[in-house]
Protein backbone atom coordinates (compact mmCIF):
# COMPACT_ATOMS: atom_id res chain seq x y z
CA MET A 1 29.41 25.66 34.96
CA THR A 2 25.99 27.69 35.09
CA ASP A 3 24.15 24.86 32.92
CA LYS A 4 25.35 22.15 34.84
CA ILE A 5 23.89 24.12 38.21
CA LYS A 6 21.05 24.66 36.44
CA LEU A 7 20.61 21.36 34.83
CA GLY A 8 20.72 19.63 38.21
CA ALA A 9 18.84 21.86 39.39
CA ALA A 10 15.70 20.56 36.44
CA ALA A 11 16.45 17.06 37.78
CA VAL A 12 16.15 18.10 41.45
CA LEU A 13 12.69 19.93 40.57
CA VAL A 14 11.49 16.41 39.04
CA ALA A 15 12.03 14.30 42.25
CA VAL A 16 10.19 16.56 44.03
CA GLY A 17 7.18 16.13 41.61
CA ILE A 18 8.28 12.62 42.30
CA TRP A 19 8.53 12.75 45.82
CA GLY A 20 5.20 14.60 45.87
CA TYR A 21 2.80 12.22 44.44
CA TYR A 22 4.01 10.85 47.45
CA TRP A 23 4.70 13.04 50.51
CA LEU A 24 0.23 13.60 48.65
CA ALA A 25 -0.23 9.89 49.62
CA ASP A 26 -3.91 10.08 51.50
CA SER A 27 -4.66 13.22 48.98
CA ALA A 28 -6.85 13.01 46.18
CA LEU A 29 -5.10 10.85 42.29
CA LEU A 30 -5.81 14.50 40.94
CA LEU A 31 -3.48 16.10 42.78
CA ARG A 32 -1.39 13.89 42.86
CA ILE A 33 -0.82 13.39 39.64
CA LEU A 34 -0.50 17.38 39.03
CA ALA A 35 1.82 17.82 41.63
CA VAL A 36 4.13 15.42 39.24
CA VAL A 37 3.33 17.05 36.08
CA ALA A 38 3.94 20.28 38.44
CA GLY A 39 7.41 18.33 38.76
CA ILE A 40 8.12 17.56 35.55
CA LEU A 41 7.03 21.08 33.89
CA ALA A 42 9.39 23.46 36.15
CA GLY A 43 12.15 20.71 35.62
CA ALA A 44 12.13 21.03 31.58
CA ALA A 45 10.93 25.37 31.96
CA VAL A 46 14.41 24.98 34.10
CA ALA A 47 16.50 22.94 32.39
CA TRP A 48 15.20 24.47 29.42
CA MET A 49 16.96 28.16 30.22
CA SER A 50 20.28 25.98 29.85
CA GLU A 51 22.90 26.03 26.75
CA PRO A 52 21.96 22.17 26.04
CA GLY A 53 18.33 22.78 26.59
CA ARG A 54 17.91 24.92 24.00
CA ARG A 55 20.11 22.98 21.59
CA PHE A 56 17.93 19.86 22.54
CA ALA A 57 14.59 21.91 22.05
CA VAL A 58 15.93 22.64 18.58
CA PHE A 59 17.19 19.66 17.73
CA ALA A 60 13.00 18.46 18.85
CA GLY A 61 12.25 20.29 16.22
CA GLU A 62 14.51 19.19 13.77
CA ALA A 63 13.36 15.54 14.30
CA ILE A 64 9.86 16.40 14.11
CA GLU A 65 9.84 18.44 10.18
CA GLU A 66 11.85 14.85 9.61
CA VAL A 67 8.84 12.56 11.05
CA LYS A 68 6.62 14.88 9.20
CA LYS A 69 8.26 14.49 5.41
CA VAL A 70 8.46 10.21 5.80
CA VAL A 71 5.35 8.70 4.00
CA TRP A 72 4.08 5.71 6.36
CA PRO A 73 2.75 3.34 5.27
CA THR A 74 -0.95 2.80 5.44
CA PRO A 75 -2.32 0.04 8.13
CA ARG A 76 -4.14 -1.61 5.08
CA CYS A 77 -1.39 -2.35 3.42
CA SER A 78 0.94 -3.56 5.72
CA ARG A 79 0.75 -7.22 6.09
CA ALA A 80 3.95 -7.46 8.81
CA ARG A 81 1.31 -7.78 11.30
CA ARG A 82 -1.50 -10.06 9.79
CA SER A 83 -1.87 -13.08 11.53
CA ARG A 84 -2.45 -16.02 8.78
CA ARG A 85 -5.93 -16.48 9.10
CA SER A 86 -6.29 -12.96 8.22
CA ARG A 87 -4.31 -12.82 5.21
CA ARG A 88 -5.97 -16.19 4.44
CA LEU A 89 -9.96 -15.21 5.10
CA SER A 90 -9.12 -11.33 3.02
CA GLY A 91 -8.20 -13.15 0.09
CA ARG A 92 -7.08 -11.70 -3.87
CA ARG A 93 -8.63 -8.71 -2.96
CA ALA A 94 -6.70 -7.23 -0.81
CA ARG A 95 -3.36 -8.52 -2.04
CA LYS A 96 -5.07 -6.45 -5.85
CA ARG A 97 -4.82 -3.57 -3.71
CA CYS A 98 -1.73 -3.53 -2.02
CA ARG A 99 0.55 -3.85 -4.83
CA ARG A 100 2.68 -1.16 -5.84
CA PRO A 101 1.88 0.31 -8.90
CA ARG A 102 4.21 -1.45 -12.10
CA ARG A 103 7.44 1.09 -13.09
CA TYR A 104 6.68 0.39 -17.09
CA SER A 105 3.64 0.74 -19.18
CA HIS A 106 4.41 -3.22 -20.91
CA SER A 107 3.50 -6.01 -18.97
CA TRP A 108 5.33 -9.59 -19.76
């Protein structure tokens, strides 16, 4: 029950930050953005104090560790987004560079 109250209070704090953005319409843009950021940070702090918030923080930390373990392709070798013209202009040399290494020493 207390977790639901904490999560509700977090949602209210975020809403107050957004409301502050519109309430400060005549003020400087920096002040308006700070109101939204303060509302989000206050809401996140209150949400983190609840049990679901702590579980989410642990989950997010583990997800970041898993993303660091992934071997991401380099932009040089990812041909999926290159246009047909750039592939044609890059020539054979670029294709050789991006080939995967052979598994076996023989070349049939």
